[in-house]
Amino acid sequence: MVVIGAGRPDEVHLRLQGYDAAASFIGREVVLGIRPECIAEGSRGFSGASGEPIVVNAPVEMVEPTGAETIVLLRLGGEPVLARITPDIRPTQGVPAAFALDTRRICLFDPVTERLIA
């Protein structure tokens, strides 16, 4: 289990599978990396993923339509995160929206050495 923004009222809990290499970091702080293409509108599924995607509600801070996609700045556990969503969906700035996370491609890093854990 990874907690983003631990101790905050808006903390986010993510259950990750296949991250056995991170076992020695249980109970310790890690840096979580997730690419914008791994965060999409809440109704989206990810190709090759088994089961339902993890969906979180997060406050939207900025929406930037670019034509082929829309870039959204949101907050997960108080941390700023970028998402790439389809261009026909326009979340409202200042209002929480649902986002699907593809947790298969999350990276965990040691905050001291900055090395990849898993």
PDB file of N, CA and C in Angstrom:
ATOM      1  N   MET A   1       0.853  -1.174   0.000  1.00  0.00           N
ATOM      2  CA  MET A   1       0.000   0.000   0.000  1.00  0.00           C
ATOM      3  C   MET A   1       0.895   1.231   0.000  1.00  0.00           C
ATOM      4  N   VAL A   2       0.614   2.155  -0.894  1.00  0.00           N
ATOM      5  CA  VAL A   2       1.315   3.427  -0.955  1.00  0.00           C
ATOM      6  C   VAL A   2       0.319   4.513  -0.561  1.00  0.00           C
ATOM      7  N   VAL A   3       0.753   5.431   0.283  1.00  0.00           N
ATOM      8  CA  VAL A   3      -0.098   6.538   0.711  1.00  0.00           C
ATOM      9  C   VAL A   3       0.533   7.828   0.190  1.00  0.00           C
ATOM     10  N   ILE A   4      -0.241   8.564  -0.600  1.00  0.00           N
ATOM     11  CA  ILE A   4       0.218   9.854  -1.107  1.00  0.00           C
ATOM     12  C   ILE A   4      -0.336  10.927  -0.188  1.00  0.00           C
ATOM     13  N   GLY A   5       0.543  11.755   0.341  1.00  0.00           N
ATOM     14  CA  GLY A   5       0.114  12.815   1.254  1.00  0.00           C
ATOM     15  C   GLY A   5      -0.262  12.272   2.619  1.00  0.00           C
ATOM     16  N   ALA A   6       0.499  11.307   3.128  1.00  0.00           N
ATOM     17  CA  ALA A   6       0.192  10.660   4.412  1.00  0.00           C
ATOM     18  C   ALA A   6      -0.023  11.694   5.510  1.00  0.00           C
ATOM     19  N   GLY A   7      -1.100  11.505   6.259  1.00  0.00           N
ATOM     20  CA  GLY A   7      -1.413  12.382   7.371  1.00  0.00           C
ATOM     21  C   GLY A   7      -2.273  13.574   6.988  1.00  0.00           C
ATOM     22  N   ARG A   8      -2.449  13.805   5.700  1.00  0.00           N
ATOM     23  CA  ARG A   8      -3.304  14.906   5.250  1.00  0.00           C
ATOM     24  C   ARG A   8      -4.749  14.406   5.171  1.00  0.00           C
ATOM     25  N   PRO A   9      -5.726  15.294   5.306  1.00  0.00           N
ATOM     26  CA  PRO A   9      -7.121  14.861   5.190  1.00  0.00           C
ATOM     27  C   PRO A   9      -7.467  14.346   3.795  1.00  0.00           C
ATOM     28  N   ASP A  10      -6.683  14.747   2.784  1.00  0.00           N
ATOM     29  CA  ASP A  10      -6.939  14.302   1.411  1.00  0.00           C
ATOM     30  C   ASP A  10      -5.952  13.225   0.950  1.00  0.00           C
ATOM     31  N   GLU A  11      -5.349  12.501   1.906  1.00  0.00           N
ATOM     32  CA  GLU A  11      -4.385  11.466   1.531  1.00  0.00           C
ATOM     33  C   GLU A  11      -5.040  10.426   0.621  1.00  0.00           C
ATOM     34  N   VAL A  12      -4.239   9.850  -0.274  1.00  0.00           N
ATOM     35  CA  VAL A  12      -4.711   8.871  -1.249  1.00  0.00           C
ATOM     36  C   VAL A  12      -3.999   7.552  -0.989  1.00  0.00           C
ATOM     37  N   HIS A  13      -4.761   6.476  -0.890  1.00  0.00           N
ATOM     38  CA  HIS A  13      -4.212   5.134  -0.680  1.00  0.00           C
ATOM     39  C   HIS A  13      -4.254   4.365  -1.999  1.00  0.00           C
ATOM     40  N   LEU A  14      -3.127   3.811  -2.399  1.00  0.00           N
ATOM     41  CA  LEU A  14      -3.059   3.005  -3.611  1.00  0.00           C
ATOM     42  C   LEU A  14      -2.520   1.626  -3.263  1.00  0.00           C
ATOM     43  N   ARG A  15      -3.269   0.607  -3.625  1.00  0.00           N
ATOM     44  CA  ARG A  15      -2.791  -0.761  -3.445  1.00  0.00           C
ATOM     45  C   ARG A  15      -2.063  -1.165  -4.725  1.00  0.00           C
ATOM     46  N   LEU A  16      -0.760  -1.391  -4.610  1.00  0.00           N
ATOM     47  CA  LEU A  16       0.063  -1.741  -5.759  1.00  0.00           C
ATOM     48  C   LEU A  16       0.374  -3.229  -5.736  1.00  0.00           C
ATOM     49  N   GLN A  17       0.346  -3.851  -6.901  1.00  0.00           N
ATOM     50  CA  GLN A  17       0.699  -5.263  -7.015  1.00  0.00           C
ATOM     51  C   GLN A  17       1.947  -5.388  -7.880  1.00  0.00           C
ATOM     52  N   GLY A  18       2.775  -6.369  -7.566  1.00  0.00           N
ATOM     53  CA  GLY A  18       3.977  -6.601  -8.344  1.00  0.00           C
ATOM     54  C   GLY A  18       5.147  -5.710  -7.964  1.00  0.00           C
ATOM     55  N   TYR A  19       5.119  -5.165  -6.771  1.00  0.00           N
ATOM     56  CA  TYR A  19       6.200  -4.289  -6.312  1.00  0.00           C
ATOM     57  C   TYR A  19       6.959  -4.953  -5.155  1.00  0.00           C
ATOM     58  N   ASP A  20       7.278  -6.223  -5.312  1.00  0.00           N
ATOM     59  CA  ASP A  20       7.958  -6.979  -4.260  1.00  0.00           C
ATOM     60  C   ASP A  20       9.314  -6.387  -3.894  1.00  0.00           C
ATOM     61  N   ALA A  21       9.972  -5.748  -4.848  1.00  0.00           N
ATOM     62  CA  ALA A  21      11.287  -5.157  -4.575  1.00  0.00           C
ATOM     63  C   ALA A  21      11.204  -4.027  -3.556  1.00  0.00           C
ATOM     64  N   ALA A  22      10.007  -3.501  -3.329  1.00  0.00           N
ATOM     65  CA  ALA A  22       9.830  -2.397  -2.382  1.00  0.00           C
ATOM     66  C   ALA A  22       9.535  -2.880  -0.970  1.00  0.00           C
ATOM     67  N   ALA A  23       9.548  -4.191  -0.744  1.00  0.00           N
ATOM     68  CA  ALA A  23       9.200  -4.750   0.569  1.00  0.00           C
ATOM     69  C   ALA A  23      10.067  -4.176   1.690  1.00  0.00           C
ATOM     70  N   SER A  24      11.317  -3.906   1.425  1.00  0.00           N
ATOM     71  CA  SER A  24      12.193  -3.381   2.480  1.00  0.00           C
ATOM     72  C   SER A  24      11.881  -1.915   2.811  1.00  0.00           C
ATOM     73  N   PHE A  25      11.003  -1.298   2.045  1.00  0.00           N
ATOM     74  CA  PHE A  25      10.640   0.100   2.287  1.00  0.00           C
ATOM     75  C   PHE A  25       9.278   0.248   2.970  1.00  0.00           C
ATOM     76  N   ILE A  26       8.694  -0.854   3.396  1.00  0.00           N
ATOM     77  CA  ILE A  26       7.402  -0.774   4.083  1.00  0.00           C
ATOM     78  C   ILE A  26       7.551   0.074   5.337  1.00  0.00           C
ATOM     79  N   GLY A  27       6.653   1.046   5.489  1.00  0.00           N
ATOM     80  CA  GLY A  27       6.699   1.955   6.632  1.00  0.00           C
ATOM     81  C   GLY A  27       7.659   3.113   6.467  1.00  0.00           C
ATOM     82  N   ARG A  28       8.340   3.175   5.320  1.00  0.00           N
ATOM     83  CA  ARG A  28       9.287   4.254   5.065  1.00  0.00           C
ATOM     84  C   ARG A  28       8.775   5.152   3.950  1.00  0.00           C
ATOM     85  N   GLU A  29       9.279   6.345   3.903  1.00  0.00           N
ATOM     86  CA  GLU A  29       8.897   7.275   2.854  1.00  0.00           C
ATOM     87  C   GLU A  29       9.594   6.908   1.550  1.00  0.00           C
ATOM     88  N   VAL A  30       8.844   6.983   0.445  1.00  0.00           N
ATOM     89  CA  VAL A  30       9.403   6.778  -0.884  1.00  0.00           C
ATOM     90  C   VAL A  30       8.880   7.898  -1.784  1.00  0.00           C
ATOM     91  N   VAL A  31       9.540   8.078  -2.917  1.00  0.00           N
ATOM     92  CA  VAL A  31       9.067   9.022  -3.930  1.00  0.00           C
ATOM     93  C   VAL A  31       8.338   8.206  -4.988  1.00  0.00           C
ATOM     94  N   LEU A  32       7.110   8.627  -5.299  1.00  0.00           N
ATOM     95  CA  LEU A  32       6.297   7.926  -6.288  1.00  0.00           C
ATOM     96  C   LEU A  32       6.334   8.703  -7.589  1.00  0.00           C
ATOM     97  N   GLY A  33       6.596   8.006  -8.676  1.00  0.00           N
ATOM     98  CA  GLY A  33       6.594   8.624  -9.993  1.00  0.00           C
ATOM     99  C   GLY A  33       5.500   8.017 -10.850  1.00  0.00           C
ATOM    100  N   ILE A  34       4.684   8.873 -11.452  1.00  0.00           N
ATOM    101  CA  ILE A  34       3.648   8.407 -12.370  1.00  0.00           C
ATOM    102  C   ILE A  34       3.576   9.386 -13.532  1.00  0.00           C
ATOM    103  N   ARG A  35       3.583   8.874 -14.739  1.00  0.00           N
ATOM    104  CA  ARG A  35       3.575   9.716 -15.934  1.00  0.00           C
ATOM    105  C   ARG A  35       2.164  10.221 -16.238  1.00  0.00           C
ATOM    106  N   PRO A  36       2.046  11.380 -16.870  1.00  0.00           N
ATOM    107  CA  PRO A  36       0.727  11.925 -17.193  1.00  0.00           C
ATOM    108  C   PRO A  36      -0.145  10.974 -18.012  1.00  0.00           C
ATOM    109  N   GLU A  37       0.460  10.184 -18.895  1.00  0.00           N
ATOM    110  CA  GLU A  37      -0.333   9.249 -19.707  1.00  0.00           C
ATOM    111  C   GLU A  37      -0.897   8.088 -18.896  1.00  0.00           C
ATOM    112  N   CYS A  38      -0.458   7.949 -17.649  1.00  0.00           N
ATOM    113  CA  CYS A  38      -0.976   6.902 -16.753  1.00  0.00           C
ATOM    114  C   CYS A  38      -2.112   7.411 -15.874  1.00  0.00           C
ATOM    115  N   ILE A  39      -2.528   8.652 -16.105  1.00  0.00           N
ATOM    116  CA  ILE A  39      -3.657   9.233 -15.394  1.00  0.00           C
ATOM    117  C   ILE A  39      -4.619   9.746 -16.455  1.00  0.00           C
ATOM    118  N   ALA A  40      -5.846   9.226 -16.442  1.00  0.00           N
ATOM    119  CA  ALA A  40      -6.822   9.578 -17.470  1.00  0.00           C
ATOM    120  C   ALA A  40      -8.172   9.855 -16.825  1.00  0.00           C
ATOM    121  N   GLU A  41      -9.152  10.201 -17.657  1.00  0.00           N
ATOM    122  CA  GLU A  41     -10.499  10.427 -17.155  1.00  0.00           C
ATOM    123  C   GLU A  41     -10.999   9.162 -16.454  1.00  0.00           C
ATOM    124  N   GLY A  42     -11.843   9.348 -15.458  1.00  0.00           N
ATOM    125  CA  GLY A  42     -12.274   8.256 -14.595  1.00  0.00           C
ATOM    126  C   GLY A  42     -12.980   7.109 -15.285  1.00  0.00           C
ATOM    127  N   SER A  43     -13.546   7.327 -16.444  1.00  0.00           N
ATOM    128  CA  SER A  43     -14.286   6.279 -17.149  1.00  0.00           C
ATOM    129  C   SER A  43     -13.394   5.431 -18.050  1.00  0.00           C
ATOM    130  N   ARG A  44     -12.134   5.770 -18.136  1.00  0.00           N
ATOM    131  CA  ARG A  44     -11.237   5.090 -19.070  1.00  0.00           C
ATOM    132  C   ARG A  44     -10.609   3.837 -18.479  1.00  0.00           C
ATOM    133  N   GLY A  45     -10.469   2.832 -19.321  1.00  0.00           N
ATOM    134  CA  GLY A  45      -9.693   1.641 -18.975  1.00  0.00           C
ATOM    135  C   GLY A  45      -8.359   1.732 -19.699  1.00  0.00           C
ATOM    136  N   PHE A  46      -7.386   0.955 -19.267  1.00  0.00           N
ATOM    137  CA  PHE A  46      -6.070   0.968 -19.887  1.00  0.00           C
ATOM    138  C   PHE A  46      -5.838  -0.353 -20.587  1.00  0.00           C
ATOM    139  N   SER A  47      -5.364  -0.324 -21.836  1.00  0.00           N
ATOM    140  CA  SER A  47      -5.162  -1.550 -22.589  1.00  0.00           C
ATOM    141  C   SER A  47      -4.156  -2.454 -21.895  1.00  0.00           C
ATOM    142  N   GLY A  48      -4.466  -3.719 -21.855  1.00  0.00           N
ATOM    143  CA  GLY A  48      -3.599  -4.701 -21.224  1.00  0.00           C
ATOM    144  C   GLY A  48      -3.766  -4.823 -19.726  1.00  0.00           C
ATOM    145  N   ALA A  49      -4.552  -3.949 -19.120  1.00  0.00           N
ATOM    146  CA  ALA A  49      -4.767  -3.995 -17.666  1.00  0.00           C
ATOM    147  C   ALA A  49      -5.872  -4.984 -17.358  1.00  0.00           C
ATOM    148  N   SER A  50      -5.673  -5.772 -16.319  1.00  0.00           N
ATOM    149  CA  SER A  50      -6.713  -6.706 -15.897  1.00  0.00           C
ATOM    150  C   SER A  50      -7.540  -6.059 -14.797  1.00  0.00           C
ATOM    151  N   GLY A  51      -8.827  -6.293 -14.836  1.00  0.00           N
ATOM    152  CA  GLY A  51      -9.702  -5.740 -13.809  1.00  0.00           C
ATOM    153  C   GLY A  51     -10.010  -4.275 -14.028  1.00  0.00           C
ATOM    154  N   GLU A  52     -10.683  -3.709 -13.072  1.00  0.00           N
ATOM    155  CA  GLU A  52     -11.091  -2.312 -13.136  1.00  0.00           C
ATOM    156  C   GLU A  52      -9.921  -1.403 -12.766  1.00  0.00           C
ATOM    157  N   PRO A  53      -9.826  -0.242 -13.410  1.00  0.00           N
ATOM    158  CA  PRO A  53      -8.756   0.696 -13.030  1.00  0.00           C
ATOM    159  C   PRO A  53      -9.039   1.289 -11.651  1.00  0.00           C
ATOM    160  N   ILE A  54      -7.993   1.749 -11.015  1.00  0.00           N
ATOM    161  CA  ILE A  54      -8.151   2.467  -9.748  1.00  0.00           C
ATOM    162  C   ILE A  54      -8.612   3.873 -10.100  1.00  0.00           C
ATOM    163  N   VAL A  55      -9.721   4.287  -9.505  1.00  0.00           N
ATOM    164  CA  VAL A  55     -10.268   5.610  -9.772  1.00  0.00           C
ATOM    165  C   VAL A  55     -10.218   6.424  -8.489  1.00  0.00           C
ATOM    166  N   VAL A  56      -9.691   7.646  -8.589  1.00  0.00           N
ATOM    167  CA  VAL A  56      -9.605   8.554  -7.443  1.00  0.00           C
ATOM    168  C   VAL A  56     -10.279   9.872  -7.812  1.00  0.00           C
ATOM    169  N   ASN A  57     -10.817  10.538  -6.822  1.00  0.00           N
ATOM    170  CA  ASN A  57     -11.342  11.881  -7.014  1.00  0.00           C
ATOM    171  C   ASN A  57     -10.269  12.856  -6.573  1.00  0.00           C
ATOM    172  N   ALA A  58      -9.999  13.836  -7.416  1.00  0.00           N
ATOM    173  CA  ALA A  58      -8.936  14.791  -7.115  1.00  0.00           C
ATOM    174  C   ALA A  58      -9.345  16.188  -7.574  1.00  0.00           C
ATOM    175  N   PRO A  59      -8.945  17.208  -6.806  1.00  0.00           N
ATOM    176  CA  PRO A  59      -9.259  18.579  -7.209  1.00  0.00           C
ATOM    177  C   PRO A  59      -8.489  18.992  -8.462  1.00  0.00           C
ATOM    178  N   VAL A  60      -9.187  19.655  -9.366  1.00  0.00           N
ATOM    179  CA  VAL A  60      -8.612  20.126 -10.620  1.00  0.00           C
ATOM    180  C   VAL A  60      -8.135  21.565 -10.427  1.00  0.00           C
ATOM    181  N   GLU A  61      -6.873  21.806 -10.751  1.00  0.00           N
ATOM    182  CA  GLU A  61      -6.315  23.149 -10.607  1.00  0.00           C
ATOM    183  C   GLU A  61      -6.197  23.897 -11.928  1.00  0.00           C
ATOM    184  N   MET A  62      -5.985  23.156 -13.016  1.00  0.00           N
ATOM    185  CA  MET A  62      -5.821  23.796 -14.310  1.00  0.00           C
ATOM    186  C   MET A  62      -6.236  22.827 -15.400  1.00  0.00           C
ATOM    187  N   VAL A  63      -6.824  23.340 -16.462  1.00  0.00           N
ATOM    188  CA  VAL A  63      -7.207  22.533 -17.627  1.00  0.00           C
ATOM    189  C   VAL A  63      -6.641  23.218 -18.854  1.00  0.00           C
ATOM    190  N   GLU A  64      -5.862  22.475 -19.657  1.00  0.00           N
ATOM    191  CA  GLU A  64      -5.220  23.048 -20.841  1.00  0.00           C
ATOM    192  C   GLU A  64      -5.528  22.185 -22.073  1.00  0.00           C
ATOM    193  N   PRO A  65      -6.541  22.562 -22.864  1.00  0.00           N
ATOM    194  CA  PRO A  65      -6.821  21.825 -24.103  1.00  0.00           C
ATOM    195  C   PRO A  65      -5.677  22.043 -25.102  1.00  0.00           C
ATOM    196  N   THR A  66      -5.198  20.958 -25.702  1.00  0.00           N
ATOM    197  CA  THR A  66      -4.099  21.085 -26.672  1.00  0.00           C
ATOM    198  C   THR A  66      -4.502  20.613 -28.061  1.00  0.00           C
ATOM    199  N   GLY A  67      -5.731  20.199 -28.222  1.00  0.00           N
ATOM    200  CA  GLY A  67      -6.191  19.689 -29.511  1.00  0.00           C
ATOM    201  C   GLY A  67      -6.382  18.182 -29.448  1.00  0.00           C
ATOM    202  N   ALA A  68      -5.296  17.438 -29.495  1.00  0.00           N
ATOM    203  CA  ALA A  68      -5.371  15.980 -29.481  1.00  0.00           C
ATOM    204  C   ALA A  68      -5.654  15.405 -28.101  1.00  0.00           C
ATOM    205  N   GLU A  69      -5.423  16.198 -27.078  1.00  0.00           N
ATOM    206  CA  GLU A  69      -5.643  15.767 -25.697  1.00  0.00           C
ATOM    207  C   GLU A  69      -5.843  17.002 -24.833  1.00  0.00           C
ATOM    208  N   THR A  70      -6.189  16.778 -23.593  1.00  0.00           N
ATOM    209  CA  THR A  70      -6.292  17.872 -22.630  1.00  0.00           C
ATOM    210  C   THR A  70      -5.380  17.551 -21.463  1.00  0.00           C
ATOM    211  N   ILE A  71      -4.541  18.487 -21.088  1.00  0.00           N
ATOM    212  CA  ILE A  71      -3.647  18.325 -19.944  1.00  0.00           C
ATOM    213  C   ILE A  71      -4.355  18.916 -18.729  1.00  0.00           C
ATOM    214  N   VAL A  72      -4.354  18.164 -17.632  1.00  0.00           N
ATOM    215  CA  VAL A  72      -5.003  18.611 -16.403  1.00  0.00           C
ATOM    216  C   VAL A  72      -3.978  18.595 -15.277  1.00  0.00           C
ATOM    217  N   LEU A  73      -3.906  19.693 -14.548  1.00  0.00           N
ATOM    218  CA  LEU A  73      -3.110  19.735 -13.324  1.00  0.00           C
ATOM    219  C   LEU A  73      -4.072  19.457 -12.183  1.00  0.00           C
ATOM    220  N   LEU A  74      -3.798  18.407 -11.425  1.00  0.00           N
ATOM    221  CA  LEU A  74      -4.654  18.021 -10.309  1.00  0.00           C
ATOM    222  C   LEU A  74      -3.791  17.802  -9.088  1.00  0.00           C
ATOM    223  N   ARG A  75      -4.418  17.506  -7.975  1.00  0.00           N
ATOM    224  CA  ARG A  75      -3.687  17.242  -6.727  1.00  0.00           C
ATOM    225  C   ARG A  75      -4.061  15.864  -6.203  1.00  0.00           C
ATOM    226  N   LEU A  76      -3.035  15.057  -5.936  1.00  0.00           N
ATOM    227  CA  LEU A  76      -3.215  13.759  -5.266  1.00  0.00           C
ATOM    228  C   LEU A  76      -2.548  13.864  -3.911  1.00  0.00           C
ATOM    229  N   GLY A  77      -3.332  13.798  -2.859  1.00  0.00           N
ATOM    230  CA  GLY A  77      -2.766  13.931  -1.518  1.00  0.00           C
ATOM    231  C   GLY A  77      -2.036  15.240  -1.333  1.00  0.00           C
ATOM    232  N   GLY A  78      -2.499  16.277  -2.005  1.00  0.00           N
ATOM    233  CA  GLY A  78      -1.870  17.589  -1.896  1.00  0.00           C
ATOM    234  C   GLY A  78      -0.709  17.809  -2.842  1.00  0.00           C
ATOM    235  N   GLU A  79      -0.282  16.771  -3.535  1.00  0.00           N
ATOM    236  CA  GLU A  79       0.860  16.880  -4.445  1.00  0.00           C
ATOM    237  C   GLU A  79       0.388  17.184  -5.866  1.00  0.00           C
ATOM    238  N   PRO A  80       1.056  18.105  -6.586  1.00  0.00           N
ATOM    239  CA  PRO A  80       0.652  18.405  -7.958  1.00  0.00           C
ATOM    240  C   PRO A  80       1.016  17.267  -8.908  1.00  0.00           C
ATOM    241  N   VAL A  81       0.070  16.929  -9.773  1.00  0.00           N
ATOM    242  CA  VAL A  81       0.236  15.822 -10.714  1.00  0.00           C
ATOM    243  C   VAL A  81      -0.399  16.232 -12.037  1.00  0.00           C
ATOM    244  N   LEU A  82       0.206  15.819 -13.143  1.00  0.00           N
ATOM    245  CA  LEU A  82      -0.368  16.072 -14.464  1.00  0.00           C
ATOM    246  C   LEU A  82      -1.069  14.830 -14.985  1.00  0.00           C
ATOM    247  N   ALA A  83      -2.200  15.049 -15.668  1.00  0.00           N
ATOM    248  CA  ALA A  83      -2.949  13.969 -16.316  1.00  0.00           C
ATOM    249  C   ALA A  83      -3.160  14.328 -17.774  1.00  0.00           C
ATOM    250  N   ARG A  84      -3.278  13.300 -18.612  1.00  0.00           N
ATOM    251  CA  ARG A  84      -3.634  13.487 -20.022  1.00  0.00           C
ATOM    252  C   ARG A  84      -4.982  12.820 -20.246  1.00  0.00           C
ATOM    253  N   ILE A  85      -5.975  13.609 -20.610  1.00  0.00           N
ATOM    254  CA  ILE A  85      -7.313  13.054 -20.822  1.00  0.00           C
ATOM    255  C   ILE A  85      -7.769  13.340 -22.252  1.00  0.00           C
ATOM    256  N   THR A  86      -8.862  12.703 -22.665  1.00  0.00           N
ATOM    257  CA  THR A  86      -9.372  12.903 -24.015  1.00  0.00           C
ATOM    258  C   THR A  86      -9.846  14.344 -24.182  1.00  0.00           C
ATOM    259  N   PRO A  87      -9.769  14.863 -25.403  1.00  0.00           N
ATOM    260  CA  PRO A  87     -10.076  16.279 -25.618  1.00  0.00           C
ATOM    261  C   PRO A  87     -11.551  16.638 -25.444  1.00  0.00           C
ATOM    262  N   ASP A  88     -12.444  15.671 -25.492  1.00  0.00           N
ATOM    263  CA  ASP A  88     -13.868  15.980 -25.378  1.00  0.00           C
ATOM    264  C   ASP A  88     -14.357  16.067 -23.932  1.00  0.00           C
ATOM    265  N   ILE A  89     -13.485  15.787 -22.986  1.00  0.00           N
ATOM    266  CA  ILE A  89     -13.852  15.893 -21.571  1.00  0.00           C
ATOM    267  C   ILE A  89     -13.163  17.130 -21.004  1.00  0.00           C
ATOM    268  N   ARG A  90     -13.939  18.000 -20.378  1.00  0.00           N
ATOM    269  CA  ARG A  90     -13.396  19.235 -19.824  1.00  0.00           C
ATOM    270  C   ARG A  90     -13.775  19.358 -18.360  1.00  0.00           C
ATOM    271  N   PRO A  91     -12.929  18.876 -17.456  1.00  0.00           N
ATOM    272  CA  PRO A  91     -13.238  19.060 -16.033  1.00  0.00           C
ATOM    273  C   PRO A  91     -13.224  20.544 -15.678  1.00  0.00           C
ATOM    274  N   THR A  92     -13.944  20.874 -14.635  1.00  0.00           N
ATOM    275  CA  THR A  92     -14.054  22.256 -14.207  1.00  0.00           C
ATOM    276  C   THR A  92     -12.957  22.588 -13.199  1.00  0.00           C
ATOM    277  N   GLN A  93     -12.252  23.669 -13.458  1.00  0.00           N
ATOM    278  CA  GLN A  93     -11.199  24.107 -12.542  1.00  0.00           C
ATOM    279  C   GLN A  93     -11.801  24.406 -11.174  1.00  0.00           C
ATOM    280  N   GLY A  94     -11.136  23.920 -10.119  1.00  0.00           N
ATOM    281  CA  GLY A  94     -11.583  24.156  -8.755  1.00  0.00           C
ATOM    282  C   GLY A  94     -12.582  23.127  -8.248  1.00  0.00           C
ATOM    283  N   VAL A  95     -12.954  22.181  -9.107  1.00  0.00           N
ATOM    284  CA  VAL A  95     -13.935  21.157  -8.732  1.00  0.00           C
ATOM    285  C   VAL A  95     -13.273  19.781  -8.804  1.00  0.00           C
ATOM    286  N   PRO A  96     -13.482  18.909  -7.800  1.00  0.00           N
ATOM    287  CA  PRO A  96     -12.931  17.547  -7.885  1.00  0.00           C
ATOM    288  C   PRO A  96     -13.526  16.782  -9.067  1.00  0.00           C
ATOM    289  N   ALA A  97     -12.713  15.940  -9.676  1.00  0.00           N
ATOM    290  CA  ALA A  97     -13.140  15.099 -10.788  1.00  0.00           C
ATOM    291  C   ALA A  97     -12.559  13.697 -10.598  1.00  0.00           C
ATOM    292  N   ALA A  98     -13.134  12.726 -11.285  1.00  0.00           N
ATOM    293  CA  ALA A  98     -12.669  11.334 -11.202  1.00  0.00           C
ATOM    294  C   ALA A  98     -11.561  11.099 -12.226  1.00  0.00           C
ATOM    295  N   PHE A  99     -10.491  10.449 -11.774  1.00  0.00           N
ATOM    296  CA  PHE A  99      -9.363  10.116 -12.638  1.00  0.00           C
ATOM    297  C   PHE A  99      -8.993   8.657 -12.433  1.00  0.00           C
ATOM    298  N   ALA A 100      -8.729   7.962 -13.550  1.00  0.00           N
ATOM    299  CA  ALA A 100      -8.288   6.566 -13.512  1.00  0.00           C
ATOM    300  C   ALA A 100      -6.765   6.536 -13.518  1.00  0.00           C
ATOM    301  N   LEU A 101      -6.198   5.648 -12.704  1.00  0.00           N
ATOM    302  CA  LEU A 101      -4.741   5.522 -12.608  1.00  0.00           C
ATOM    303  C   LEU A 101      -4.303   4.165 -13.130  1.00  0.00           C
ATOM    304  N   ASP A 102      -3.316   4.157 -13.988  1.00  0.00           N
ATOM    305  CA  ASP A 102      -2.702   2.916 -14.443  1.00  0.00           C
ATOM    306  C   ASP A 102      -1.511   2.659 -13.527  1.00  0.00           C
ATOM    307  N   THR A 103      -1.743   1.887 -12.476  1.00  0.00           N
ATOM    308  CA  THR A 103      -0.712   1.676 -11.454  1.00  0.00           C
ATOM    309  C   THR A 103       0.362   0.683 -11.881  1.00  0.00           C
ATOM    310  N   ARG A 104       0.200   0.043 -13.029  1.00  0.00           N
ATOM    311  CA  ARG A 104       1.217  -0.916 -13.489  1.00  0.00           C
ATOM    312  C   ARG A 104       2.527  -0.227 -13.838  1.00  0.00           C
ATOM    313  N   ARG A 105       2.483   1.064 -14.123  1.00  0.00           N
ATOM    314  CA  ARG A 105       3.676   1.767 -14.576  1.00  0.00           C
ATOM    315  C   ARG A 105       4.189   2.788 -13.563  1.00  0.00           C
ATOM    316  N   ILE A 106       3.716   2.698 -12.338  1.00  0.00           N
ATOM    317  CA  ILE A 106       4.211   3.575 -11.278  1.00  0.00           C
ATOM    318  C   ILE A 106       5.637   3.166 -10.920  1.00  0.00           C
ATOM    319  N   CYS A 107       6.486   4.140 -10.676  1.00  0.00           N
ATOM    320  CA  CYS A 107       7.853   3.873 -10.223  1.00  0.00           C
ATOM    321  C   CYS A 107       7.998   4.382  -8.793  1.00  0.00           C
ATOM    322  N   LEU A 108       8.733   3.637  -7.999  1.00  0.00           N
ATOM    323  CA  LEU A 108       9.031   4.042  -6.627  1.00  0.00           C
ATOM    324  C   LEU A 108      10.534   4.270  -6.518  1.00  0.00           C
ATOM    325  N   PHE A 109      10.897   5.388  -5.858  1.00  0.00           N
ATOM    326  CA  PHE A 109      12.300   5.747  -5.737  1.00  0.00           C
ATOM    327  C   PHE A 109      12.680   5.932  -4.269  1.00  0.00           C
ATOM    328  N   ASP A 110      13.932   5.606  -3.960  1.00  0.00           N
ATOM    329  CA  ASP A 110      14.481   5.860  -2.631  1.00  0.00           C
ATOM    330  C   ASP A 110      14.724   7.368  -2.522  1.00  0.00           C
ATOM    331  N   PRO A 111      14.127   8.057  -1.545  1.00  0.00           N
ATOM    332  CA  PRO A 111      14.295   9.513  -1.463  1.00  0.00           C
ATOM    333  C   PRO A 111      15.719   9.941  -1.089  1.00  0.00           C
ATOM    334  N   VAL A 112      16.510   9.058  -0.514  1.00  0.00           N
ATOM    335  CA  VAL A 112      17.879   9.397  -0.121  1.00  0.00           C
ATOM    336  C   VAL A 112      18.838   9.230  -1.287  1.00  0.00           C
ATOM    337  N   THR A 113      18.802   8.056  -1.924  1.00  0.00           N
ATOM    338  CA  THR A 113      19.747   7.768  -3.019  1.00  0.00           C
ATOM    339  C   THR A 113      19.197   8.152  -4.395  1.00  0.00           C
ATOM    340  N   GLU A 114      17.883   8.381  -4.480  1.00  0.00           N
ATOM    341  CA  GLU A 114      17.172   8.669  -5.721  1.00  0.00           C
ATOM    342  C   GLU A 114      17.196   7.503  -6.700  1.00  0.00           C
ATOM    343  N   ARG A 115      17.541   6.324  -6.213  1.00  0.00           N
ATOM    344  CA  ARG A 115      17.570   5.138  -7.064  1.00  0.00           C
ATOM    345  C   ARG A 115      16.183   4.513  -7.173  1.00  0.00           C
ATOM    346  N   LEU A 116      15.953   3.881  -8.303  1.00  0.00           N
ATOM    347  CA  LEU A 116      14.702   3.177  -8.546  1.00  0.00           C
ATOM    348  C   LEU A 116      14.591   1.988  -7.607  1.00  0.00           C
ATOM    349  N   ILE A 117      13.481   1.880  -6.896  1.00  0.00           N
ATOM    350  CA  ILE A 117      13.222   0.736  -6.011  1.00  0.00           C
ATOM    351  C   ILE A 117      12.448  -0.318  -6.790  1.00  0.00           C
ATOM    352  N   ALA A 118      11.375   0.110  -7.403  1.00  0.00           N
ATOM    353  CA  ALA A 118      10.502  -0.807  -8.154  1.00  0.00           C
ATOM    354  C   ALA A 118       9.724  -0.029  -9.180  1.00  0.00           C
TER     355      ALA A 118
END
